[in-house]
Protein backbone atom coordinates (compact mmCIF):
# COMPACT_ATOMS: atom_id res chain seq x y z
CA MET A 1 -10.42 -29.27 2.63
CA PRO A 2 -14.17 -29.53 1.97
CA PRO A 3 -15.48 -29.78 -1.57
CA ILE A 4 -15.73 -26.36 -3.12
CA ALA A 5 -18.63 -27.09 -5.44
CA ALA A 6 -21.15 -26.27 -2.78
CA ALA A 7 -19.43 -23.03 -1.96
CA SER A 8 -19.28 -21.40 -5.37
CA THR A 9 -22.39 -20.34 -7.19
CA ALA A 10 -23.02 -18.63 -10.52
CA PRO A 11 -25.52 -15.75 -10.88
CA THR A 12 -28.17 -18.16 -12.06
CA GLY A 13 -27.82 -20.23 -8.90
CA ARG A 14 -26.04 -23.03 -10.78
CA VAL A 15 -23.20 -24.51 -8.77
CA LEU A 16 -19.84 -23.97 -10.46
CA SER A 17 -17.62 -26.94 -11.13
CA VAL A 18 -14.52 -27.53 -9.04
CA ARG A 19 -12.35 -27.05 -12.12
CA ARG A 20 -13.89 -23.72 -13.11
CA THR A 21 -13.75 -22.34 -9.59
CA LEU A 22 -10.12 -23.39 -9.20
CA LEU A 23 -9.12 -21.82 -12.52
CA ALA A 24 -10.99 -18.64 -11.65
CA MET A 25 -9.04 -18.52 -8.40
CA PHE A 26 -5.78 -18.94 -10.34
CA GLY A 27 -6.75 -15.91 -12.42
CA LEU A 28 -7.44 -13.86 -9.30
CA CYS A 29 -4.13 -14.99 -7.83
CA PHE A 30 -2.23 -13.69 -10.87
CA VAL A 31 -4.16 -10.42 -10.68
CA CYS A 32 -3.29 -9.98 -7.00
CA MET A 33 0.34 -10.73 -7.80
CA LEU A 34 0.37 -7.61 -9.99
CA VAL A 35 -0.24 -5.42 -6.95
CA ALA A 36 2.12 -7.37 -4.68
CA ILE A 37 5.01 -7.37 -7.15
CA ASP A 38 4.55 -3.69 -7.93
CA GLN A 39 4.62 -2.60 -4.29
CA THR A 40 7.75 -4.58 -3.44
CA VAL A 41 9.89 -3.96 -6.54
CA VAL A 42 9.16 -0.23 -6.73
CA GLY A 43 10.05 0.36 -3.08
CA THR A 44 13.44 -1.31 -3.57
CA ALA A 45 14.15 0.51 -6.85
CA LEU A 46 12.94 3.96 -5.78
CA PRO A 47 16.23 5.32 -4.33
CA THR A 48 17.97 4.47 -7.61
CA ILE A 49 15.11 5.95 -9.66
CA VAL A 50 15.35 9.24 -7.76
CA ALA A 51 19.12 9.28 -8.13
CA GLU A 52 18.84 9.00 -11.94
CA LEU A 53 15.83 11.26 -12.53
CA ASN A 54 16.99 13.94 -10.04
CA GLY A 55 13.91 14.69 -7.98
CA PHE A 56 14.11 13.76 -4.30
CA GLU A 57 11.40 16.33 -3.53
CA LEU A 58 9.02 14.02 -5.41
CA TYR A 59 10.23 10.82 -3.68
CA ALA A 60 7.05 10.39 -1.65
CA TRP A 61 4.87 11.36 -4.62
CA VAL A 62 5.86 8.24 -6.54
CA ALA A 63 3.88 6.36 -3.90
CA THR A 64 1.26 8.95 -2.94
CA SER A 65 0.13 9.70 -6.51
CA TYR A 66 -0.61 5.98 -6.90
CA LEU A 67 -2.36 5.85 -3.53
CA LEU A 68 -4.44 8.99 -4.13
CA THR A 69 -5.94 7.78 -7.42
CA SER A 70 -6.43 4.30 -5.96
CA VAL A 71 -8.36 5.71 -3.01
CA ILE A 72 -10.74 7.51 -5.37
CA THR A 73 -11.32 4.60 -7.76
CA ILE A 74 -11.61 1.74 -5.24
CA PRO A 75 -15.07 2.72 -3.93
CA VAL A 76 -16.27 3.78 -7.39
CA PHE A 77 -15.52 0.40 -8.95
CA GLY A 78 -16.48 -1.45 -5.79
CA ARG A 79 -19.96 -0.01 -6.26
CA LEU A 80 -19.97 -0.61 -10.03
CA GLY A 81 -19.00 -4.22 -9.37
CA ASP A 82 -22.02 -4.56 -7.09
CA TYR A 83 -24.24 -3.33 -9.93
CA TYR A 84 -22.80 -4.94 -13.05
CA GLY A 85 -20.76 -7.85 -11.75
CA ARG A 86 -17.03 -7.65 -11.13
CA LYS A 87 -15.58 -9.57 -14.08
CA PRO A 88 -15.48 -6.74 -16.68
CA PHE A 89 -13.81 -4.40 -14.23
CA VAL A 90 -11.20 -6.97 -13.22
CA ILE A 91 -10.28 -7.35 -16.91
CA ALA A 92 -10.21 -3.56 -17.43
CA SER A 93 -8.07 -3.09 -14.33
CA VAL A 94 -5.42 -5.48 -15.64
CA LEU A 95 -5.28 -3.65 -18.99
CA VAL A 96 -5.05 -0.17 -17.42
CA PHE A 97 -2.49 -1.26 -14.83
CA THR A 98 -0.29 -2.89 -17.47
CA PHE A 99 -0.45 0.08 -19.85
CA ALA A 100 0.45 2.45 -17.00
CA SER A 101 3.34 0.18 -15.97
CA VAL A 102 4.81 0.52 -19.46
CA LEU A 103 4.46 4.32 -19.22
CA CYS A 104 6.28 4.24 -15.85
CA GLY A 105 9.14 2.34 -17.45
CA MET A 106 9.36 4.94 -20.25
CA ALA A 107 9.35 7.98 -17.91
CA ALA A 108 12.08 10.54 -18.68
CA SER A 109 11.55 12.68 -15.56
CA MET A 110 10.23 12.36 -12.02
CA MET A 111 7.09 14.29 -12.95
CA GLN A 112 6.34 11.91 -15.82
CA LEU A 113 6.86 8.99 -13.46
CA VAL A 114 4.52 10.52 -10.87
CA LEU A 115 1.80 11.04 -13.50
CA ALA A 116 2.23 7.50 -14.87
CA ARG A 117 2.01 6.16 -11.31
CA ALA A 118 -1.23 8.09 -10.87
CA LEU A 119 -2.68 6.29 -13.91
CA GLN A 120 -1.33 3.03 -12.53
CA GLY A 121 -3.22 3.84 -9.33
CA VAL A 122 -6.46 4.03 -11.31
CA GLY A 123 -5.86 0.49 -12.54
CA GLY A 124 -4.82 -0.62 -9.07
CA GLY A 125 -7.94 0.92 -7.56
CA MET A 126 -10.16 -0.87 -10.07
CA LEU A 127 -8.35 -4.10 -9.29
CA VAL A 128 -8.55 -3.83 -5.51
CA GLY A 129 -12.14 -2.61 -5.60
CA THR A 130 -13.34 -5.60 -7.60
CA ALA A 131 -10.90 -8.53 -7.44
CA PHE A 132 -10.91 -8.86 -3.65
CA ALA A 133 -14.71 -8.76 -3.56
CA CYS A 134 -14.83 -11.70 -6.00
CA ILE A 135 -13.64 -14.03 -3.23
CA PRO A 136 -16.74 -13.78 -0.99
CA ASP A 137 -18.86 -13.97 -4.16
CA LEU A 138 -17.22 -17.29 -5.05
CA PHE A 139 -17.25 -18.58 -1.46
CA PRO A 140 -20.20 -17.25 0.58
CA ASP A 141 -19.33 -19.59 3.46
CA SER A 142 -16.75 -17.62 5.46
CA ARG A 143 -15.04 -20.76 6.79
CA VAL A 144 -14.59 -22.14 3.29
CA ARG A 145 -13.42 -18.70 2.18
CA LEU A 146 -10.74 -18.64 4.85
CA ARG A 147 -9.40 -21.98 3.64
CA TRP A 148 -9.38 -20.93 0.00
CA GLN A 149 -7.68 -17.66 0.77
CA VAL A 150 -4.58 -19.76 1.27
CA LEU A 151 -4.31 -19.71 -2.55
CA LEU A 152 -4.24 -15.92 -2.52
CA SER A 153 -1.76 -15.99 0.34
CA ALA A 154 0.43 -18.33 -1.71
CA ALA A 155 0.24 -15.96 -4.68
CA PHE A 156 1.22 -13.04 -2.49
CA GLY A 157 3.93 -15.24 -1.00
CA ILE A 158 5.49 -15.95 -4.38
CA ALA A 159 5.30 -12.29 -5.35
CA ASN A 160 6.62 -11.12 -2.00
CA ALA A 161 9.39 -13.70 -1.92
CA VAL A 162 10.80 -12.66 -5.28
CA GLY A 163 9.70 -9.00 -5.30
CA PRO A 164 12.37 -7.20 -3.25
CA SER A 165 15.23 -9.37 -4.49
CA LEU A 166 13.95 -9.19 -8.06
CA GLY A 167 13.60 -5.41 -7.78
CA GLY A 168 17.15 -5.10 -6.46
CA PHE A 169 18.57 -7.50 -9.07
CA LEU A 170 16.80 -5.84 -12.01
CA THR A 171 17.70 -2.34 -10.79
CA GLN A 172 21.35 -3.26 -10.42
CA TYR A 173 21.81 -5.28 -13.61
CA ALA A 174 19.00 -4.34 -16.03
CA GLY A 175 18.15 -0.81 -14.93
CA TRP A 176 15.22 0.44 -12.86
CA ARG A 177 12.87 0.65 -15.84
CA SER A 178 12.73 -3.13 -16.00
CA VAL A 179 10.96 -3.29 -12.60
CA PHE A 180 7.87 -1.80 -14.23
CA TYR A 181 8.02 -3.94 -17.37
CA VAL A 182 7.93 -7.09 -15.22
CA ASN A 183 4.18 -6.50 -14.75
CA VAL A 184 3.52 -7.25 -18.44
CA PRO A 185 4.05 -11.06 -18.42
CA ILE A 186 2.07 -11.41 -15.17
CA ALA A 187 -0.85 -9.56 -16.76
CA LEU A 188 -0.69 -11.76 -19.85
CA LEU A 189 -0.88 -14.84 -17.59
CA SER A 190 -3.91 -13.56 -15.69
CA LEU A 191 -6.15 -12.45 -18.57
CA PRO A 192 -7.02 -15.89 -20.07
CA PHE A 193 -8.03 -17.28 -16.67
CA ILE A 194 -10.20 -14.25 -15.83
CA TRP A 195 -11.77 -14.06 -19.29
CA LEU A 196 -12.65 -17.75 -19.56
CA TYR A 197 -13.39 -18.91 -16.02
CA LEU A 198 -14.36 -16.05 -13.69
CA PRO A 199 -18.19 -15.87 -13.61
CA ARG A 200 -19.99 -12.56 -13.73
CA ILE A 201 -21.40 -12.93 -10.24
CA ARG A 202 -24.31 -11.27 -8.45
CA GLN A 203 -25.55 -8.34 -10.48
CA MET A 204 -27.66 -6.20 -8.15
CA LYS A 205 -29.21 -3.95 -10.80
CA THR A 206 -29.00 -3.55 -14.54
CA THR A 207 -31.08 -0.43 -15.20
CA GLY A 208 -31.63 2.96 -13.62
CA ILE A 209 -28.18 3.14 -12.02
CA ARG A 210 -26.96 6.55 -10.90
CA LEU A 211 -23.29 6.48 -9.98
CA ASP A 212 -22.20 9.09 -7.46
CA TRP A 213 -19.58 10.96 -9.50
CA GLN A 214 -20.11 14.09 -7.39
CA GLY A 215 -19.09 12.12 -4.31
CA ALA A 216 -16.00 10.81 -6.10
CA LEU A 217 -15.03 14.36 -7.09
CA LEU A 218 -15.40 15.58 -3.51
CA VAL A 219 -13.27 12.68 -2.25
CA ALA A 220 -10.57 13.55 -4.79
CA LEU A 221 -10.69 17.25 -3.90
CA GLY A 222 -10.60 16.66 -0.16
CA LEU A 223 -7.81 14.07 -0.17
CA GLY A 224 -5.75 15.87 -2.80
CA SER A 225 -5.88 19.15 -0.87
CA LEU A 226 -5.02 17.36 2.37
CA GLN A 227 -2.05 15.64 0.70
CA LEU A 228 -0.69 18.94 -0.66
CA PHE A 229 -1.19 20.62 2.72
CA VAL A 230 0.76 17.95 4.62
CA GLU A 231 3.47 17.87 1.95
CA PHE A 232 4.08 21.62 1.64
CA LEU A 233 3.43 22.87 5.18
CA PRO A 234 6.97 22.24 6.52
CA ARG A 235 8.54 24.00 3.51
CA HIS A 236 6.27 27.05 3.23
CA GLY A 237 4.88 27.51 6.74
CA LEU A 238 1.29 28.32 7.62
CA GLY A 239 0.90 31.07 5.05
CA TYR A 240 -2.01 32.21 2.90
CA TRP A 241 -1.79 29.36 0.37
CA MET A 242 -1.47 26.72 3.08
CA LEU A 243 -4.57 28.07 4.83
CA MET A 244 -6.39 28.00 1.50
CA LEU A 245 -5.47 24.35 0.99
CA ALA A 246 -6.58 23.45 4.51
CA ALA A 247 -9.89 25.29 4.03
CA LEU A 248 -10.44 23.63 0.65
CA SER A 249 -9.87 20.17 2.14
CA LEU A 250 -12.21 20.87 5.07
CA CYS A 251 -14.94 22.26 2.81
CA ALA A 252 -14.65 19.24 0.49
CA PHE A 253 -15.10 16.79 3.36
CA VAL A 254 -18.01 18.74 4.82
CA GLY A 255 -19.57 18.90 1.35
CA LEU A 256 -19.02 15.16 0.94
CA ILE A 257 -20.94 14.38 4.13
CA TYR A 258 -23.74 16.76 3.11
CA TRP A 259 -23.98 15.30 -0.39
CA GLU A 260 -23.78 11.63 0.61
CA ARG A 261 -26.68 12.05 3.05
CA ARG A 262 -28.88 13.24 0.19
CA SER A 263 -27.59 11.18 -2.71
CA PRO A 264 -30.01 8.46 -3.91
CA GLU A 265 -27.04 6.19 -4.74
CA PRO A 266 -24.22 7.34 -2.39
CA LEU A 267 -20.67 6.38 -3.13
CA LEU A 268 -20.05 6.02 0.62
CA PRO A 269 -23.18 4.80 2.40
CA LEU A 270 -23.09 6.81 5.64
CA ASP A 271 -25.37 4.24 7.29
CA MET A 272 -22.33 2.01 7.27
CA MET A 273 -20.52 4.60 9.40
CA ARG A 274 -23.11 4.23 12.15
CA ASN A 275 -21.82 0.72 12.75
CA LYS A 276 -19.18 1.30 15.44
CA SER A 277 -17.56 -2.06 14.77
CA LEU A 278 -17.03 -1.25 11.09
CA VAL A 279 -15.68 2.19 11.96
CA ALA A 280 -13.20 0.59 14.36
CA LEU A 281 -12.00 -1.70 11.55
CA PHE A 282 -11.67 1.24 9.16
CA VAL A 283 -9.54 3.11 11.72
CA LEU A 284 -7.29 0.07 12.15
CA SER A 285 -6.98 -0.22 8.37
CA LEU A 286 -5.97 3.46 8.19
CA LEU A 287 -3.29 3.01 10.86
CA SER A 288 -2.05 -0.23 9.28
CA GLY A 289 -1.72 1.45 5.88
CA PHE A 290 0.34 4.23 7.47
CA ALA A 291 2.79 1.69 8.90
CA LEU A 292 2.87 -0.61 5.84
CA PHE A 293 3.78 2.00 3.24
CA ALA A 294 6.16 3.91 5.51
CA ILE A 295 8.16 0.73 6.09
CA LEU A 296 7.98 -0.50 2.48
CA PHE A 297 9.25 2.76 0.97
CA TYR A 298 11.60 4.23 3.60
CA VAL A 299 13.44 1.17 4.91
CA PRO A 300 15.00 0.67 1.41
CA LEU A 301 16.11 4.33 1.50
CA LEU A 302 17.64 3.72 4.92
CA MET A 303 19.54 0.68 3.69
CA GLN A 304 20.71 2.09 0.35
CA GLY A 305 21.23 5.76 1.15
CA GLY A 306 22.03 5.48 4.86
CA PHE A 307 23.96 2.21 5.04
CA GLY A 308 25.40 2.27 1.50
CA LEU A 309 24.01 -1.11 0.45
CA SER A 310 23.45 -2.05 -3.18
CA PRO A 311 19.84 -2.35 -4.43
CA GLN A 312 20.23 -6.14 -4.56
CA ALA A 313 21.54 -6.36 -0.98
CA ALA A 314 18.77 -4.06 0.26
CA GLY A 315 16.20 -6.18 -1.55
CA MET A 316 17.50 -9.31 0.16
CA LEU A 317 17.10 -7.69 3.58
CA ILE A 318 13.55 -6.49 2.79
CA THR A 319 12.51 -9.95 1.59
CA PRO A 320 11.81 -11.38 5.11
CA LEU A 321 9.23 -8.61 5.66
CA VAL A 322 7.12 -9.45 2.65
CA VAL A 323 7.63 -13.22 2.81
CA CYS A 324 6.62 -13.36 6.46
CA THR A 325 3.54 -11.26 5.67
CA THR A 326 2.42 -14.21 3.55
CA VAL A 327 3.50 -16.78 6.13
CA GLY A 328 1.60 -14.88 8.82
CA SER A 329 -1.48 -14.70 6.60
CA ILE A 330 -1.44 -18.46 6.02
CA LEU A 331 -0.96 -19.19 9.74
CA ASN A 332 -3.73 -16.75 10.53
CA SER A 333 -6.21 -18.41 8.14
CA ARG A 334 -5.58 -21.78 9.79
CA VAL A 335 -5.70 -20.58 13.39
CA ILE A 336 -8.46 -18.00 13.77
CA PRO A 337 -11.43 -20.31 13.00
CA ARG A 338 -10.32 -22.40 15.99
CA LEU A 339 -10.00 -19.49 18.45
CA SER A 340 -12.80 -18.52 20.80
CA ASN A 341 -11.62 -14.90 20.45
CA PRO A 342 -9.97 -14.40 17.04
CA ASN A 343 -8.98 -10.85 18.02
CA VAL A 344 -5.99 -12.38 19.82
CA MET A 345 -4.28 -12.66 16.41
CA ILE A 346 -4.75 -8.94 15.74
CA TYR A 347 -3.26 -8.07 19.14
CA TRP A 348 -0.24 -10.25 18.45
CA GLY A 349 0.10 -8.73 15.00
CA TYR A 350 0.45 -5.21 16.34
CA VAL A 351 2.82 -6.35 19.11
CA LEU A 352 5.12 -7.84 16.46
CA LEU A 353 4.81 -4.70 14.31
CA ILE A 354 5.79 -2.56 17.31
CA GLY A 355 8.84 -4.77 17.81
CA CYS A 356 9.81 -4.25 14.15
CA CYS A 357 9.48 -0.45 14.42
CA VAL A 358 11.47 -0.29 17.66
CA GLY A 359 14.25 -2.40 16.17
CA MET A 360 14.47 -0.48 12.87
CA ALA A 361 14.32 2.91 14.60
CA PHE A 362 17.59 2.13 16.40
CA THR A 363 19.54 0.28 13.71
CA ARG A 364 22.95 1.47 12.65
CA GLN A 365 25.31 0.50 9.87
CA SER A 366 27.03 -1.85 12.32
CA THR A 367 23.79 -3.75 13.02
CA SER A 368 24.16 -7.35 11.88
CA ASP A 369 22.22 -8.60 8.88
CA TRP A 370 20.58 -11.39 10.88
CA LEU A 371 19.20 -8.87 13.38
CA LEU A 372 17.82 -6.71 10.56
CA ALA A 373 16.23 -9.83 9.06
CA LEU A 374 14.69 -10.64 12.46
CA TYR A 375 13.11 -7.18 12.66
CA MET A 376 11.74 -7.59 9.15
CA MET A 377 10.34 -11.03 9.98
CA ALA A 378 8.54 -9.63 13.03
CA GLY A 379 7.00 -6.85 10.95
CA GLY A 380 5.95 -9.28 8.22
CA LEU A 381 4.27 -11.67 10.64
CA GLY A 382 2.56 -8.70 12.25
CA PHE A 383 1.06 -7.53 8.98
CA GLY A 384 0.11 -11.13 8.14
CA PHE A 385 -1.84 -11.43 11.39
CA VAL A 386 -3.60 -8.06 10.92
CA LEU A 387 -4.36 -7.23 7.28
CA PRO A 388 -6.35 -10.35 6.23
CA ASN A 389 -8.44 -10.19 9.40
CA LEU A 390 -9.44 -6.58 8.78
CA THR A 391 -10.85 -7.59 5.39
CA VAL A 392 -12.58 -10.76 6.62
CA TYR A 393 -14.03 -9.02 9.68
CA THR A 394 -15.39 -6.23 7.51
CA GLN A 395 -17.06 -8.70 5.16
CA GLU A 396 -18.61 -10.55 8.12
CA LEU A 397 -20.01 -7.38 9.70
CA ALA A 398 -21.19 -5.60 6.56
CA GLY A 399 -23.64 -8.17 5.20
CA ARG A 400 -24.32 -9.07 1.58
CA SER A 401 -25.97 -5.79 0.59
CA LEU A 402 -22.85 -3.80 1.49
CA LEU A 403 -20.27 -6.47 0.70
CA GLY A 404 -18.66 -4.77 -2.30
CA ILE A 405 -18.54 -1.25 -0.92
CA ALA A 406 -17.43 -2.41 2.54
CA THR A 407 -14.58 -4.46 1.06
CA ALA A 408 -13.66 -1.49 -1.12
CA MET A 409 -13.82 0.85 1.88
CA VAL A 410 -11.45 -1.15 4.06
CA GLN A 411 -8.96 -1.25 1.17
CA SER A 412 -9.47 2.46 0.39
CA VAL A 413 -8.92 3.49 3.99
CA ARG A 414 -5.69 1.48 4.03
CA MET A 415 -4.57 3.42 0.95
CA ILE A 416 -5.50 6.71 2.65
CA GLY A 417 -3.42 5.67 5.63
CA GLY A 418 -0.53 4.88 3.31
CA MET A 419 -0.90 8.22 1.57
CA ILE A 420 -0.93 10.14 4.87
CA GLY A 421 1.92 8.01 6.22
CA MET A 422 4.09 8.64 3.16
CA ALA A 423 3.40 12.38 3.38
CA ILE A 424 4.12 12.65 7.12
CA VAL A 425 7.14 10.34 7.15
CA GLY A 426 8.46 11.92 3.95
CA THR A 427 8.13 15.38 5.47
CA LEU A 428 9.95 14.31 8.63
CA VAL A 429 12.74 12.61 6.69
CA THR A 430 13.27 15.59 4.38
CA HIS A 431 13.23 18.11 7.25
CA TRP A 432 15.65 16.25 9.51
CA TYR A 433 17.99 15.29 6.68
CA ILE A 434 18.36 18.87 5.44
CA SER A 435 18.74 20.11 9.01
CA GLY A 436 21.46 17.54 9.67
CA VAL A 437 23.35 18.34 6.48
CA THR A 438 23.06 22.09 7.07
CA ALA A 439 24.63 21.67 10.52
CA VAL A 440 27.53 19.71 9.04
CA VAL A 441 28.38 22.18 6.23
CA SER A 442 27.71 25.39 8.16
CA THR A 443 31.41 25.96 8.81
CA ALA A 444 32.59 25.00 5.31
CA PRO A 445 32.99 27.42 2.36
CA ALA A 446 29.84 28.20 0.41
CA GLY A 447 29.33 26.68 -3.02
CA SER A 448 27.01 24.76 -5.33
CA TRP A 449 28.24 21.54 -3.71
CA ARG A 450 26.01 22.23 -0.70
CA ALA A 451 22.87 21.85 -2.80
CA ILE A 452 24.18 18.52 -4.12
CA LEU A 453 24.71 17.25 -0.57
CA GLU A 454 21.22 18.34 0.49
CA ASP A 455 19.72 15.92 -2.05
CA PRO A 456 20.00 12.31 -0.76
CA GLN A 457 20.43 11.08 -4.32
CA VAL A 458 24.15 11.74 -3.88
CA LEU A 459 24.20 8.89 -1.36
CA VAL A 460 22.79 6.42 -3.91
CA ASN A 461 24.27 7.49 -7.25
CA VAL A 462 27.92 6.43 -7.50
CA GLU A 463 28.62 8.75 -10.46
CA VAL A 464 27.32 11.79 -8.59
CA GLN A 465 29.43 10.80 -5.59
CA GLY A 466 32.55 10.67 -7.77
CA ARG A 467 31.93 14.13 -9.23
CA PHE A 468 31.15 15.51 -5.76
CA ILE A 469 34.38 14.18 -4.25
CA ALA A 470 36.41 15.49 -7.22
CA GLU A 471 34.83 18.95 -6.94
CA LEU A 472 35.61 19.20 -3.23
CA ARG A 473 39.13 17.85 -3.71
CA ALA A 474 39.77 20.77 -6.06
CA MET A 475 38.64 23.09 -3.25
CA GLY A 476 40.94 21.39 -0.75
CA LEU A 477 38.06 19.69 1.10
CA ASP A 478 37.46 16.07 2.01
CA GLY A 479 34.30 15.14 0.11
CA ALA A 480 34.22 11.60 1.50
CA SER A 481 33.88 12.88 5.07
CA PHE A 482 30.95 15.09 4.04
CA LEU A 483 29.27 12.13 2.36
CA GLU A 484 29.69 10.05 5.49
CA ALA A 485 28.21 12.85 7.60
CA ALA A 486 25.28 13.04 5.16
CA ARG A 487 24.72 9.29 5.55
CA VAL A 488 24.54 9.71 9.31
CA ALA A 489 22.04 12.56 8.82
CA LEU A 490 19.89 10.40 6.54
CA VAL A 491 19.93 7.51 9.00
CA ASP A 492 18.79 9.83 11.80
CA ALA A 493 16.13 11.32 9.51
CA VAL A 494 14.66 7.95 8.53
CA HIS A 495 14.76 6.91 12.19
CA SER A 496 12.56 9.92 13.01
CA GLY A 497 10.04 8.69 10.44
CA LEU A 498 10.14 5.18 11.88
CA LEU A 499 9.52 6.55 15.37
CA ALA A 500 6.38 8.23 14.01
CA THR A 501 5.40 4.85 12.56
CA LEU A 502 6.02 3.26 15.96
CA ALA A 503 3.62 5.74 17.58
CA VAL A 504 0.96 4.80 15.02
CA ALA A 505 1.48 1.07 15.69
CA VAL A 506 1.07 1.62 19.45
CA LEU A 507 -2.15 3.57 18.81
CA ALA A 508 -3.42 0.71 16.64
CA LEU A 509 -2.71 -1.82 19.39
CA LEU A 510 -4.76 0.24 21.84
CA TRP A 511 -7.56 0.60 19.28
CA VAL A 512 -8.07 -3.16 18.84
CA ARG A 513 -10.17 -3.27 22.01
CA LYS A 514 -12.92 -1.44 20.08
CA VAL A 515 -13.30 -4.40 17.68
CA PRO A 516 -15.87 -7.03 18.78
CA ALA A 517 -15.05 -10.71 18.71
CA ILE A 518 -16.24 -12.24 15.44
CA LYS A 519 -18.04 -15.56 15.19
CA PHE A 520 -17.50 -16.91 11.71
CA THR A 521 -20.67 -18.08 9.99
CA ARG A 522 -20.90 -21.17 7.85
CA VAL A 523 -23.40 -19.70 5.41
CA ALA A 524 -22.99 -16.13 4.22
CA ASP A 525 -25.60 -15.84 1.50
CA VAL A 526 -28.14 -14.29 3.85
CA ASP A 527 -27.85 -10.60 4.55
CA ARG A 528 -26.58 -10.08 8.10
CA PRO A 529 -26.98 -6.85 9.98
CA GLY A 530 -23.68 -5.46 11.23
CA ARG A 531 -23.00 -5.75 14.93
CA LYS A 532 -23.04 -2.45 16.73
């Protein structure tokens, strides 16, 4: 590895010491672990959370509320980091994220949890919008940056390796609330490193700044309306209120384009959208986010609710996905600088992701654990070959003047994809599950037990299952057979969502051809025009 002293520069132009740069990177690694741990432990614990707080209709909202607020705050703080330097916002993001994590752990209802997750998304958006952009600030040379990103990959690897299993273990033995409190010690580890060693790098302006709050409001209005429309359309049909939501979303996006063209300091520089290569990367990030969050949050439901596994067992089976994401990222960082056409890695990534989706869409309870682990490994390697390249490619094409906002945009668009994916997959799962259960109970006597069976929490909560079986036994019915039929319905429902994810992965594979081959530069401190 080359010396890092020449690659890391303070705002004054003074070269940072090896020790300070290394310790700053450790701080950023701990910060990134906050996001990685949170994503993996919450996905594993979510079926149990819903079973206790009684709110399956808000299952997807635990993820989408976080994603929605993140999408809004990522570009805002990405731009503020360009102006003021990123260090103060990294510190603030850790504090907000940790406080919101404690509120999540104290939630007494699903609605309280959704609101606390929304606040956590604000902290997560601040973190993603600033922490990831610190890396090219510290290492302007893209080849050096690729080597040093191994540290971040290792941090994600540690978080991903322990996340699903830790989430399952804590949920099973310490209660689901502990999965949120685990963020507190990680935050306490990160703050001293960030406070003492991360330089306040590259302030663009210090006076006369006009932040585009109007643009942020229009983004929130447009995405929020779109989320509600996708979520409620299958339940309420295309009625008056649904048309109003669709019109509100459309008007917000049209207004956003109109405003951003005239804003002196636009939140989303539309000039960036004229770069076809950047737009292609943003589309791939959107599609990748769809697949990532659909798999992270609905495969645990499949394993726990559909296959009857414990949270700990489900976490163990999810672990290969997140561990291999890190392994793939490390392999990717070592291989792509040596390839004449680095896009080959992105193609292989989506091929592996398609293999994962095909395998998981046809799994049954009888599928062996090693085969499930193989599917998860393929998906993890796929994400590892794709996600880091989308960020690095974007930074290469955007140039220094748009570095912060471009990095924030590629992360924001991934969150938007995750939000849309959770809404669409959640809608499909809910629709097909209720349809399947309704078909099973149509010939049985009516009663309140039907509503219990239509909520998948009964498949996760052992106490509810016991009461359900006892109630049906008193009616002369076999409750266990109805539960088994409901499990089959849930498996088929989640499979429908995974087939939608498969279609998105295939579309992404076809879209890669729109991305130009990138030649990595050795010096990145000169503004480069994006390739068209």
